[in-house]
Amino acid sequence: MGAEALKLELLDWLLHVDNNDMLHYLKVIKDQTTSQTDWWDELTDEQKAGIERGIKDIESGRVVSHEVVKNKYGL
């Protein structure tokens, strides 16, 4: 299927979507793909610092595997 035919199929489907949650989800996708801003720029300084601390922990080997945590908490 060519790009134009796919667009027409999607437009036809979209015109008949009655699910409000689906429409809002699709809008989020559209907004994210057309936005000129980087999500990093929208984070607070505190959020950025937390992410950077996590990256340093990973680089320093201060990590615990998912399996260890699951076993510790009986998951």
PDB file of N, CA and C in Angstrom:
ATOM      1  N   MET A   1       0.854  -1.180   0.000  1.00  0.00           N
ATOM      2  CA  MET A   1       0.000   0.000   0.000  1.00  0.00           C
ATOM      3  C   MET A   1       0.891   1.232   0.000  1.00  0.00           C
ATOM      4  N   GLY A   2       0.613   2.154  -0.897  1.00  0.00           N
ATOM      5  CA  GLY A   2       1.377   3.385  -0.976  1.00  0.00           C
ATOM      6  C   GLY A   2       1.026   4.348   0.144  1.00  0.00           C
ATOM      7  N   ALA A   3       1.855   5.348   0.311  1.00  0.00           N
ATOM      8  CA  ALA A   3       1.671   6.322   1.388  1.00  0.00           C
ATOM      9  C   ALA A   3       0.346   7.068   1.254  1.00  0.00           C
ATOM     10  N   GLU A   4      -0.014   7.451   0.058  1.00  0.00           N
ATOM     11  CA  GLU A   4      -1.261   8.211  -0.132  1.00  0.00           C
ATOM     12  C   GLU A   4      -2.483   7.352   0.203  1.00  0.00           C
ATOM     13  N   ALA A   5      -2.471   6.104  -0.223  1.00  0.00           N
ATOM     14  CA  ALA A   5      -3.587   5.204   0.072  1.00  0.00           C
ATOM     15  C   ALA A   5      -3.685   4.956   1.572  1.00  0.00           C
ATOM     16  N   LEU A   6      -2.540   4.811   2.234  1.00  0.00           N
ATOM     17  CA  LEU A   6      -2.526   4.609   3.678  1.00  0.00           C
ATOM     18  C   LEU A   6      -3.086   5.831   4.402  1.00  0.00           C
ATOM     19  N   LYS A   7      -2.708   7.014   3.962  1.00  0.00           N
ATOM     20  CA  LYS A   7      -3.235   8.245   4.560  1.00  0.00           C
ATOM     21  C   LYS A   7      -4.754   8.311   4.412  1.00  0.00           C
ATOM     22  N   LEU A   8      -5.252   7.981   3.238  1.00  0.00           N
ATOM     23  CA  LEU A   8      -6.703   8.005   3.016  1.00  0.00           C
ATOM     24  C   LEU A   8      -7.417   6.993   3.904  1.00  0.00           C
ATOM     25  N   GLU A   9      -6.825   5.810   4.042  1.00  0.00           N
ATOM     26  CA  GLU A   9      -7.422   4.795   4.913  1.00  0.00           C
ATOM     27  C   GLU A   9      -7.466   5.276   6.357  1.00  0.00           C
ATOM     28  N   LEU A  10      -6.372   5.875   6.811  1.00  0.00           N
ATOM     29  CA  LEU A  10      -6.318   6.382   8.181  1.00  0.00           C
ATOM     30  C   LEU A  10      -7.286   7.545   8.391  1.00  0.00           C
ATOM     31  N   LEU A  11      -7.394   8.430   7.410  1.00  0.00           N
ATOM     32  CA  LEU A  11      -8.345   9.544   7.515  1.00  0.00           C
ATOM     33  C   LEU A  11      -9.780   9.027   7.627  1.00  0.00           C
ATOM     34  N   ASP A  12     -10.113   8.052   6.810  1.00  0.00           N
ATOM     35  CA  ASP A  12     -11.450   7.481   6.856  1.00  0.00           C
ATOM     36  C   ASP A  12     -11.721   6.845   8.222  1.00  0.00           C
ATOM     37  N   TRP A  13     -10.732   6.110   8.724  1.00  0.00           N
ATOM     38  CA  TRP A  13     -10.877   5.479  10.044  1.00  0.00           C
ATOM     39  C   TRP A  13     -11.030   6.541  11.130  1.00  0.00           C
ATOM     40  N   LEU A  14     -10.198   7.579  11.072  1.00  0.00           N
ATOM     41  CA  LEU A  14     -10.217   8.633  12.084  1.00  0.00           C
ATOM     42  C   LEU A  14     -11.558   9.351  12.122  1.00  0.00           C
ATOM     43  N   LEU A  15     -12.149   9.565  10.974  1.00  0.00           N
ATOM     44  CA  LEU A  15     -13.458  10.227  10.920  1.00  0.00           C
ATOM     45  C   LEU A  15     -14.540   9.445  11.659  1.00  0.00           C
ATOM     46  N   HIS A  16     -14.336   8.140  11.827  1.00  0.00           N
ATOM     47  CA  HIS A  16     -15.350   7.308  12.459  1.00  0.00           C
ATOM     48  C   HIS A  16     -14.993   6.889  13.886  1.00  0.00           C
ATOM     49  N   VAL A  17     -13.875   7.370  14.412  1.00  0.00           N
ATOM     50  CA  VAL A  17     -13.487   7.039  15.792  1.00  0.00           C
ATOM     51  C   VAL A  17     -14.406   7.789  16.748  1.00  0.00           C
ATOM     52  N   ASP A  18     -15.043   7.039  17.652  1.00  0.00           N
ATOM     53  CA  ASP A  18     -15.936   7.644  18.645  1.00  0.00           C
ATOM     54  C   ASP A  18     -15.333   7.647  20.051  1.00  0.00           C
ATOM     55  N   ASN A  19     -14.188   7.034  20.197  1.00  0.00           N
ATOM     56  CA  ASN A  19     -13.552   6.897  21.502  1.00  0.00           C
ATOM     57  C   ASN A  19     -12.741   8.156  21.811  1.00  0.00           C
ATOM     58  N   ASN A  20     -13.214   8.931  22.787  1.00  0.00           N
ATOM     59  CA  ASN A  20     -12.563  10.194  23.148  1.00  0.00           C
ATOM     60  C   ASN A  20     -11.142   9.978  23.653  1.00  0.00           C
ATOM     61  N   ASP A  21     -10.939   8.895  24.432  1.00  0.00           N
ATOM     62  CA  ASP A  21      -9.594   8.603  24.932  1.00  0.00           C
ATOM     63  C   ASP A  21      -8.640   8.337  23.768  1.00  0.00           C
ATOM     64  N   MET A  22      -9.111   7.611  22.767  1.00  0.00           N
ATOM     65  CA  MET A  22      -8.287   7.318  21.595  1.00  0.00           C
ATOM     66  C   MET A  22      -7.922   8.608  20.867  1.00  0.00           C
ATOM     67  N   LEU A  23      -8.867   9.507  20.733  1.00  0.00           N
ATOM     68  CA  LEU A  23      -8.606  10.774  20.046  1.00  0.00           C
ATOM     69  C   LEU A  23      -7.569  11.610  20.803  1.00  0.00           C
ATOM     70  N   HIS A  24      -7.682  11.643  22.131  1.00  0.00           N
ATOM     71  CA  HIS A  24      -6.711  12.394  22.929  1.00  0.00           C
ATOM     72  C   HIS A  24      -5.323  11.756  22.820  1.00  0.00           C
ATOM     73  N   TYR A  25      -5.270  10.432  22.816  1.00  0.00           N
ATOM     74  CA  TYR A  25      -4.003   9.718  22.664  1.00  0.00           C
ATOM     75  C   TYR A  25      -3.362  10.045  21.313  1.00  0.00           C
ATOM     76  N   LEU A  26      -4.155  10.024  20.267  1.00  0.00           N
ATOM     77  CA  LEU A  26      -3.644  10.343  18.942  1.00  0.00           C
ATOM     78  C   LEU A  26      -3.150  11.780  18.872  1.00  0.00           C
ATOM     79  N   LYS A  27      -3.823  12.685  19.575  1.00  0.00           N
ATOM     80  CA  LYS A  27      -3.383  14.085  19.603  1.00  0.00           C
ATOM     81  C   LYS A  27      -2.037  14.207  20.297  1.00  0.00           C
ATOM     82  N   VAL A  28      -1.843  13.459  21.370  1.00  0.00           N
ATOM     83  CA  VAL A  28      -0.552  13.481  22.063  1.00  0.00           C
ATOM     84  C   VAL A  28       0.553  13.019  21.113  1.00  0.00           C
ATOM     85  N   ILE A  29       0.291  11.949  20.376  1.00  0.00           N
ATOM     86  CA  ILE A  29       1.274  11.455  19.406  1.00  0.00           C
ATOM     87  C   ILE A  29       1.567  12.523  18.355  1.00  0.00           C
ATOM     88  N   LYS A  30       0.526  13.138  17.835  1.00  0.00           N
ATOM     89  CA  LYS A  30       0.706  14.186  16.825  1.00  0.00           C
ATOM     90  C   LYS A  30       1.534  15.340  17.383  1.00  0.00           C
ATOM     91  N   ASP A  31       1.171  15.782  18.579  1.00  0.00           N
ATOM     92  CA  ASP A  31       1.880  16.916  19.171  1.00  0.00           C
ATOM     93  C   ASP A  31       3.347  16.590  19.420  1.00  0.00           C
ATOM     94  N   GLN A  32       3.629  15.365  19.855  1.00  0.00           N
ATOM     95  CA  GLN A  32       5.017  14.988  20.130  1.00  0.00           C
ATOM     96  C   GLN A  32       5.836  14.885  18.857  1.00  0.00           C
ATOM     97  N   THR A  33       5.221  14.467  17.778  1.00  0.00           N
ATOM     98  CA  THR A  33       5.983  14.301  16.545  1.00  0.00           C
ATOM     99  C   THR A  33       6.152  15.614  15.784  1.00  0.00           C
ATOM    100  N   THR A  34       5.328  16.606  16.094  1.00  0.00           N
ATOM    101  CA  THR A  34       5.437  17.886  15.388  1.00  0.00           C
ATOM    102  C   THR A  34       6.072  18.972  16.244  1.00  0.00           C
ATOM    103  N   SER A  35       6.351  18.650  17.502  1.00  0.00           N
ATOM    104  CA  SER A  35       6.921  19.632  18.417  1.00  0.00           C
ATOM    105  C   SER A  35       8.380  19.904  18.070  1.00  0.00           C
ATOM    106  N   GLN A  36       8.775  21.145  18.188  1.00  0.00           N
ATOM    107  CA  GLN A  36      10.156  21.537  17.940  1.00  0.00           C
ATOM    108  C   GLN A  36      10.974  21.537  19.223  1.00  0.00           C
ATOM    109  N   THR A  37      10.327  21.284  20.367  1.00  0.00           N
ATOM    110  CA  THR A  37      11.040  21.298  21.639  1.00  0.00           C
ATOM    111  C   THR A  37      11.436  19.881  22.031  1.00  0.00           C
ATOM    112  N   ASP A  38      12.507  19.782  22.757  1.00  0.00           N
ATOM    113  CA  ASP A  38      12.997  18.519  23.275  1.00  0.00           C
ATOM    114  C   ASP A  38      12.383  18.311  24.658  1.00  0.00           C
ATOM    115  N   TRP A  39      11.949  17.091  24.950  1.00  0.00           N
ATOM    116  CA  TRP A  39      11.314  16.829  26.246  1.00  0.00           C
ATOM    117  C   TRP A  39      12.245  17.185  27.397  1.00  0.00           C
ATOM    118  N   TRP A  40      13.543  17.061  27.198  1.00  0.00           N
ATOM    119  CA  TRP A  40      14.511  17.382  28.250  1.00  0.00           C
ATOM    120  C   TRP A  40      14.377  18.845  28.675  1.00  0.00           C
ATOM    121  N   ASP A  41      14.117  19.707  27.724  1.00  0.00           N
ATOM    122  CA  ASP A  41      13.995  21.137  28.017  1.00  0.00           C
ATOM    123  C   ASP A  41      12.767  21.457  28.858  1.00  0.00           C
ATOM    124  N   GLU A  42      11.816  20.558  28.910  1.00  0.00           N
ATOM    125  CA  GLU A  42      10.599  20.794  29.669  1.00  0.00           C
ATOM    126  C   GLU A  42      10.672  20.259  31.094  1.00  0.00           C
ATOM    127  N   LEU A  43      11.769  19.564  31.446  1.00  0.00           N
ATOM    128  CA  LEU A  43      11.941  19.037  32.793  1.00  0.00           C
ATOM    129  C   LEU A  43      12.419  20.132  33.736  1.00  0.00           C
ATOM    130  N   THR A  44      12.099  19.962  35.014  1.00  0.00           N
ATOM    131  CA  THR A  44      12.613  20.888  36.025  1.00  0.00           C
ATOM    132  C   THR A  44      14.079  20.569  36.279  1.00  0.00           C
ATOM    133  N   ASP A  45      14.783  21.502  36.904  1.00  0.00           N
ATOM    134  CA  ASP A  45      16.183  21.263  37.255  1.00  0.00           C
ATOM    135  C   ASP A  45      16.307  20.063  38.192  1.00  0.00           C
ATOM    136  N   GLU A  46      15.353  19.906  39.082  1.00  0.00           N
ATOM    137  CA  GLU A  46      15.361  18.774  40.017  1.00  0.00           C
ATOM    138  C   GLU A  46      15.211  17.446  39.268  1.00  0.00           C
ATOM    139  N   GLN A  47      14.329  17.403  38.294  1.00  0.00           N
ATOM    140  CA  GLN A  47      14.147  16.193  37.500  1.00  0.00           C
ATOM    141  C   GLN A  47      15.408  15.865  36.706  1.00  0.00           C
ATOM    142  N   LYS A  48      16.012  16.875  36.110  1.00  0.00           N
ATOM    143  CA  LYS A  48      17.250  16.658  35.346  1.00  0.00           C
ATOM    144  C   LYS A  48      18.358  16.142  36.253  1.00  0.00           C
ATOM    145  N   ALA A  49      18.476  16.722  37.451  1.00  0.00           N
ATOM    146  CA  ALA A  49      19.515  16.296  38.393  1.00  0.00           C
ATOM    147  C   ALA A  49      19.299  14.840  38.795  1.00  0.00           C
ATOM    148  N   GLY A  50      18.051  14.445  39.006  1.00  0.00           N
ATOM    149  CA  GLY A  50      17.751  13.061  39.362  1.00  0.00           C
ATOM    150  C   GLY A  50      18.137  12.092  38.262  1.00  0.00           C
ATOM    151  N   ILE A  51      17.858  12.449  37.037  1.00  0.00           N
ATOM    152  CA  ILE A  51      18.228  11.606  35.899  1.00  0.00           C
ATOM    153  C   ILE A  51      19.745  11.511  35.790  1.00  0.00           C
ATOM    154  N   GLU A  52      20.411  12.625  35.957  1.00  0.00           N
ATOM    155  CA  GLU A  52      21.870  12.631  35.866  1.00  0.00           C
ATOM    156  C   GLU A  52      22.500  11.797  36.982  1.00  0.00           C
ATOM    157  N   ARG A  53      21.915  11.844  38.202  1.00  0.00           N
ATOM    158  CA  ARG A  53      22.407  10.996  39.298  1.00  0.00           C
ATOM    159  C   ARG A  53      22.237   9.523  38.940  1.00  0.00           C
ATOM    160  N   GLY A  54      21.086   9.195  38.361  1.00  0.00           N
ATOM    161  CA  GLY A  54      20.838   7.808  37.960  1.00  0.00           C
ATOM    162  C   GLY A  54      21.829   7.325  36.917  1.00  0.00           C
ATOM    163  N   ILE A  55      22.147   8.167  35.954  1.00  0.00           N
ATOM    164  CA  ILE A  55      23.122   7.807  34.919  1.00  0.00           C
ATOM    165  C   ILE A  55      24.502   7.581  35.545  1.00  0.00           C
ATOM    166  N   LYS A  56      24.889   8.444  36.495  1.00  0.00           N
ATOM    167  CA  LYS A  56      26.180   8.268  37.176  1.00  0.00           C
ATOM    168  C   LYS A  56      26.203   6.977  37.979  1.00  0.00           C
ATOM    169  N   ASP A  57      25.086   6.630  38.632  1.00  0.00           N
ATOM    170  CA  ASP A  57      25.004   5.368  39.366  1.00  0.00           C
ATOM    171  C   ASP A  57      25.213   4.187  38.429  1.00  0.00           C
ATOM    172  N   ILE A  58      24.585   4.230  37.274  1.00  0.00           N
ATOM    173  CA  ILE A  58      24.736   3.147  36.294  1.00  0.00           C
ATOM    174  C   ILE A  58      26.181   3.054  35.828  1.00  0.00           C
ATOM    175  N   GLU A  59      26.771   4.196  35.492  1.00  0.00           N
ATOM    176  CA  GLU A  59      28.151   4.211  35.008  1.00  0.00           C
ATOM    177  C   GLU A  59      29.136   3.729  36.079  1.00  0.00           C
ATOM    178  N   SER A  60      28.796   3.934  37.363  1.00  0.00           N
ATOM    179  CA  SER A  60      29.667   3.521  38.465  1.00  0.00           C
ATOM    180  C   SER A  60      29.376   2.092  38.917  1.00  0.00           C
ATOM    181  N   GLY A  61      28.388   1.467  38.314  1.00  0.00           N
ATOM    182  CA  GLY A  61      28.053   0.090  38.672  1.00  0.00           C
ATOM    183  C   GLY A  61      27.186  -0.029  39.907  1.00  0.00           C
ATOM    184  N   ARG A  62      26.637   1.072  40.374  1.00  0.00           N
ATOM    185  CA  ARG A  62      25.752   1.044  41.546  1.00  0.00           C
ATOM    186  C   ARG A  62      24.328   0.729  41.087  1.00  0.00           C
ATOM    187  N   VAL A  63      24.129  -0.527  40.732  1.00  0.00           N
ATOM    188  CA  VAL A  63      22.828  -0.960  40.235  1.00  0.00           C
ATOM    189  C   VAL A  63      22.457  -2.287  40.880  1.00  0.00           C
ATOM    190  N   VAL A  64      21.173  -2.588  40.877  1.00  0.00           N
ATOM    191  CA  VAL A  64      20.650  -3.868  41.349  1.00  0.00           C
ATOM    192  C   VAL A  64      19.768  -4.403  40.234  1.00  0.00           C
ATOM    193  N   SER A  65      19.955  -5.662  39.900  1.00  0.00           N
ATOM    194  CA  SER A  65      19.192  -6.232  38.790  1.00  0.00           C
ATOM    195  C   SER A  65      17.715  -6.370  39.152  1.00  0.00           C
ATOM    196  N   HIS A  66      16.916  -6.400  38.124  1.00  0.00           N
ATOM    197  CA  HIS A  66      15.480  -6.573  38.275  1.00  0.00           C
ATOM    198  C   HIS A  66      15.184  -7.889  38.989  1.00  0.00           C
ATOM    199  N   GLU A  67      15.905  -8.939  38.655  1.00  0.00           N
ATOM    200  CA  GLU A  67      15.700 -10.253  39.276  1.00  0.00           C
ATOM    201  C   GLU A  67      15.975 -10.209  40.774  1.00  0.00           C
ATOM    202  N   VAL A  68      17.034  -9.508  41.198  1.00  0.00           N
ATOM    203  CA  VAL A  68      17.358  -9.398  42.619  1.00  0.00           C
ATOM    204  C   VAL A  68      16.227  -8.686  43.369  1.00  0.00           C
ATOM    205  N   VAL A  69      15.728  -7.621  42.818  1.00  0.00           N
ATOM    206  CA  VAL A  69      14.648  -6.875  43.460  1.00  0.00           C
ATOM    207  C   VAL A  69      13.383  -7.735  43.535  1.00  0.00           C
ATOM    208  N   LYS A  70      13.052  -8.443  42.458  1.00  0.00           N
ATOM    209  CA  LYS A  70      11.874  -9.322  42.453  1.00  0.00           C
ATOM    210  C   LYS A  70      12.003 -10.377  43.534  1.00  0.00           C
ATOM    211  N   ASN A  71      13.178 -10.996  43.645  1.00  0.00           N
ATOM    212  CA  ASN A  71      13.376 -12.027  44.666  1.00  0.00           C
ATOM    213  C   ASN A  71      13.305 -11.462  46.071  1.00  0.00           C
ATOM    214  N   LYS A  72      13.878 -10.279  46.267  1.00  0.00           N
ATOM    215  CA  LYS A  72      13.895  -9.661  47.587  1.00  0.00           C
ATOM    216  C   LYS A  72      12.473  -9.367  48.086  1.00  0.00           C
ATOM    217  N   TYR A  73      11.614  -8.928  47.190  1.00  0.00           N
ATOM    218  CA  TYR A  73      10.262  -8.549  47.578  1.00  0.00           C
ATOM    219  C   TYR A  73       9.206  -9.597  47.215  1.00  0.00           C
ATOM    220  N   GLY A  74       9.671 -10.770  46.818  1.00  0.00           N
ATOM    221  CA  GLY A  74       8.759 -11.872  46.541  1.00  0.00           C
ATOM    222  C   GLY A  74       7.849 -11.645  45.360  1.00  0.00           C
ATOM    223  N   LEU A  75       8.329 -11.004  44.359  1.00  0.00           N
ATOM    224  CA  LEU A  75       7.502 -10.727  43.172  1.00  0.00           C
ATOM    225  C   LEU A  75       7.701 -11.768  42.108  1.00  0.00           C
TER     226      LEU A  75
END
